[in-house]
Amino acid sequence: MVGGRAKVTRGEETSELAEDQSTYIPIGIKHRLENPSADELHIIEIQSGTTLNENDIERFEDVYGRI
């Protein structure tokens, strides 16, 4: 994470990250990223693997109205 604070839910585990911290989300783990404050949150997302796209995203809940 570059700046701000992030609430990260990975499976049943929830944690909070601060600036210069990171997390790893294994393939197939249900996850969510939230901004718990009014400050801006800036992140860098890195994907790895042989196929890098977002065609495999399965949204379980979306409060932002994305399809």
N, C-alpha and C. Protein backbone atom coordinates (compact mmCIF):
# COMPACT_ATOMS: atom_id res chain seq x y z
N MET A 1 0.84 -1.16 0.00
CA MET A 1 0.00 0.00 0.00
C MET A 1 0.89 1.23 0.00
N VAL A 2 0.49 2.22 -0.74
CA VAL A 2 1.30 3.43 -0.88
C VAL A 2 0.94 4.48 0.16
N GLY A 3 -0.35 4.67 0.43
CA GLY A 3 -0.75 5.67 1.40
C GLY A 3 -2.15 5.45 1.92
N GLY A 4 -2.40 5.86 3.14
CA GLY A 4 -3.70 5.70 3.76
C GLY A 4 -3.74 4.45 4.62
N ARG A 5 -4.95 3.99 4.90
CA ARG A 5 -5.17 2.75 5.64
C ARG A 5 -6.13 1.89 4.86
N ALA A 6 -5.98 0.58 4.94
CA ALA A 6 -6.88 -0.33 4.23
C ALA A 6 -7.34 -1.43 5.18
N LYS A 7 -8.62 -1.73 5.11
CA LYS A 7 -9.16 -2.88 5.83
C LYS A 7 -9.22 -4.01 4.80
N VAL A 8 -8.55 -5.12 5.09
CA VAL A 8 -8.47 -6.23 4.16
C VAL A 8 -9.15 -7.44 4.77
N THR A 9 -10.10 -8.01 4.05
CA THR A 9 -10.75 -9.24 4.47
C THR A 9 -10.30 -10.33 3.51
N ARG A 10 -9.71 -11.38 4.06
CA ARG A 10 -9.21 -12.52 3.29
C ARG A 10 -9.83 -13.76 3.89
N GLY A 11 -10.81 -14.33 3.19
CA GLY A 11 -11.54 -15.46 3.78
C GLY A 11 -12.27 -14.98 5.02
N GLU A 12 -12.01 -15.61 6.16
CA GLU A 12 -12.64 -15.22 7.43
C GLU A 12 -11.76 -14.28 8.25
N GLU A 13 -10.57 -13.95 7.75
CA GLU A 13 -9.60 -13.13 8.48
C GLU A 13 -9.68 -11.67 8.04
N THR A 14 -9.71 -10.75 9.00
CA THR A 14 -9.73 -9.32 8.70
C THR A 14 -8.53 -8.67 9.37
N SER A 15 -7.87 -7.77 8.63
CA SER A 15 -6.73 -7.05 9.20
C SER A 15 -6.72 -5.63 8.63
N GLU A 16 -5.92 -4.79 9.23
CA GLU A 16 -5.79 -3.42 8.74
C GLU A 16 -4.34 -3.17 8.36
N LEU A 17 -4.14 -2.56 7.20
CA LEU A 17 -2.80 -2.26 6.71
C LEU A 17 -2.58 -0.76 6.70
N ALA A 18 -1.35 -0.36 7.00
CA ALA A 18 -0.95 1.03 6.96
C ALA A 18 0.03 1.23 5.81
N GLU A 19 0.45 2.45 5.62
CA GLU A 19 1.41 2.79 4.56
C GLU A 19 2.64 1.88 4.62
N ASP A 20 3.13 1.46 3.46
CA ASP A 20 4.31 0.59 3.32
C ASP A 20 4.09 -0.84 3.80
N GLN A 21 2.84 -1.26 3.98
CA GLN A 21 2.56 -2.66 4.32
C GLN A 21 1.88 -3.32 3.13
N SER A 22 1.91 -4.64 3.11
CA SER A 22 1.30 -5.37 2.00
C SER A 22 0.65 -6.65 2.49
N THR A 23 -0.09 -7.29 1.61
CA THR A 23 -0.72 -8.56 1.91
C THR A 23 -0.69 -9.42 0.66
N TYR A 24 -0.86 -10.72 0.84
CA TYR A 24 -0.91 -11.66 -0.27
C TYR A 24 -2.25 -12.36 -0.22
N ILE A 25 -2.92 -12.43 -1.37
CA ILE A 25 -4.21 -13.11 -1.45
C ILE A 25 -4.05 -14.30 -2.38
N PRO A 26 -4.08 -15.51 -1.83
CA PRO A 26 -3.92 -16.70 -2.66
C PRO A 26 -5.06 -16.88 -3.66
N ILE A 27 -4.79 -17.59 -4.73
CA ILE A 27 -5.80 -17.86 -5.76
C ILE A 27 -7.01 -18.55 -5.12
N GLY A 28 -8.20 -18.08 -5.48
CA GLY A 28 -9.44 -18.71 -5.03
C GLY A 28 -9.95 -18.26 -3.67
N ILE A 29 -9.23 -17.36 -3.00
CA ILE A 29 -9.67 -16.87 -1.68
C ILE A 29 -10.59 -15.68 -1.86
N LYS A 30 -11.78 -15.76 -1.28
CA LYS A 30 -12.73 -14.65 -1.30
C LYS A 30 -12.13 -13.50 -0.50
N HIS A 31 -12.12 -12.29 -1.08
CA HIS A 31 -11.47 -11.17 -0.41
C HIS A 31 -12.18 -9.85 -0.70
N ARG A 32 -11.86 -8.86 0.15
CA ARG A 32 -12.46 -7.53 0.02
C ARG A 32 -11.46 -6.51 0.55
N LEU A 33 -11.42 -5.35 -0.09
CA LEU A 33 -10.56 -4.24 0.33
C LEU A 33 -11.46 -3.05 0.59
N GLU A 34 -11.28 -2.41 1.75
CA GLU A 34 -12.10 -1.26 2.13
C GLU A 34 -11.21 -0.13 2.64
N ASN A 35 -11.69 1.09 2.49
CA ASN A 35 -11.03 2.25 3.07
C ASN A 35 -11.80 2.61 4.35
N PRO A 36 -11.22 2.36 5.54
CA PRO A 36 -11.94 2.59 6.78
C PRO A 36 -11.91 4.04 7.26
N SER A 37 -11.32 4.94 6.49
CA SER A 37 -11.22 6.34 6.94
C SER A 37 -11.68 7.29 5.85
N ALA A 38 -11.72 8.56 6.18
CA ALA A 38 -12.09 9.59 5.20
C ALA A 38 -10.90 10.00 4.35
N ASP A 39 -9.69 9.58 4.74
CA ASP A 39 -8.49 9.90 3.97
C ASP A 39 -8.44 9.06 2.69
N GLU A 40 -7.74 9.56 1.68
CA GLU A 40 -7.59 8.82 0.44
C GLU A 40 -6.74 7.58 0.66
N LEU A 41 -7.08 6.53 -0.04
CA LEU A 41 -6.33 5.28 0.00
C LEU A 41 -5.67 5.08 -1.36
N HIS A 42 -4.37 4.86 -1.36
CA HIS A 42 -3.62 4.64 -2.60
C HIS A 42 -2.95 3.27 -2.51
N ILE A 43 -3.24 2.41 -3.48
CA ILE A 43 -2.67 1.06 -3.47
C ILE A 43 -2.01 0.75 -4.80
N ILE A 44 -1.15 -0.23 -4.78
CA ILE A 44 -0.59 -0.82 -5.99
C ILE A 44 -0.99 -2.29 -5.96
N GLU A 45 -1.70 -2.73 -6.99
CA GLU A 45 -2.11 -4.13 -7.08
C GLU A 45 -1.18 -4.84 -8.05
N ILE A 46 -0.66 -5.98 -7.63
CA ILE A 46 0.22 -6.77 -8.49
C ILE A 46 -0.42 -8.14 -8.67
N GLN A 47 -0.64 -8.51 -9.93
CA GLN A 47 -1.16 -9.83 -10.25
C GLN A 47 -0.02 -10.69 -10.76
N SER A 48 -0.09 -11.98 -10.48
CA SER A 48 0.93 -12.89 -10.99
C SER A 48 0.27 -14.13 -11.56
N GLY A 49 0.96 -14.79 -12.45
CA GLY A 49 0.44 -16.00 -13.07
C GLY A 49 0.66 -15.97 -14.56
N THR A 50 0.20 -17.00 -15.24
CA THR A 50 0.39 -17.07 -16.69
C THR A 50 -0.64 -16.26 -17.45
N THR A 51 -1.83 -16.05 -16.88
CA THR A 51 -2.87 -15.25 -17.51
C THR A 51 -3.22 -14.09 -16.59
N LEU A 52 -3.01 -12.88 -17.07
CA LEU A 52 -3.28 -11.70 -16.25
C LEU A 52 -4.43 -10.91 -16.85
N ASN A 53 -5.64 -11.14 -16.34
CA ASN A 53 -6.81 -10.38 -16.76
C ASN A 53 -7.83 -10.44 -15.63
N GLU A 54 -8.93 -9.77 -15.83
CA GLU A 54 -9.96 -9.74 -14.79
C GLU A 54 -11.22 -10.45 -15.23
N ASN A 55 -11.13 -11.31 -16.22
CA ASN A 55 -12.29 -12.05 -16.72
C ASN A 55 -12.79 -13.11 -15.75
N ASP A 56 -11.97 -13.48 -14.77
CA ASP A 56 -12.36 -14.52 -13.82
C ASP A 56 -12.92 -13.97 -12.51
N ILE A 57 -13.17 -12.66 -12.44
CA ILE A 57 -13.71 -12.06 -11.22
C ILE A 57 -15.15 -12.51 -11.01
N GLU A 58 -15.44 -12.97 -9.82
CA GLU A 58 -16.80 -13.33 -9.43
C GLU A 58 -17.19 -12.46 -8.25
N ARG A 59 -18.11 -11.51 -8.47
CA ARG A 59 -18.51 -10.59 -7.40
C ARG A 59 -19.61 -11.23 -6.57
N PHE A 60 -19.37 -11.36 -5.27
CA PHE A 60 -20.35 -11.94 -4.36
C PHE A 60 -21.27 -10.86 -3.81
N GLU A 61 -20.72 -9.66 -3.66
CA GLU A 61 -21.47 -8.52 -3.14
C GLU A 61 -20.78 -7.27 -3.67
N ASP A 62 -21.56 -6.30 -4.14
CA ASP A 62 -20.94 -5.08 -4.68
C ASP A 62 -21.81 -3.89 -4.33
N VAL A 63 -21.39 -3.12 -3.34
CA VAL A 63 -22.14 -1.96 -2.92
C VAL A 63 -21.88 -0.75 -3.82
N TYR A 64 -21.02 -0.92 -4.84
CA TYR A 64 -20.65 0.19 -5.72
C TYR A 64 -21.35 0.15 -7.08
N GLY A 65 -22.21 -0.85 -7.31
CA GLY A 65 -22.99 -0.90 -8.54
C GLY A 65 -22.22 -1.35 -9.77
N ARG A 66 -21.07 -2.00 -9.59
CA ARG A 66 -20.33 -2.51 -10.74
C ARG A 66 -20.98 -3.79 -11.23
N ILE A 67 -20.82 -4.06 -12.48
CA ILE A 67 -21.41 -5.28 -13.06
C ILE A 67 -20.41 -6.42 -12.98
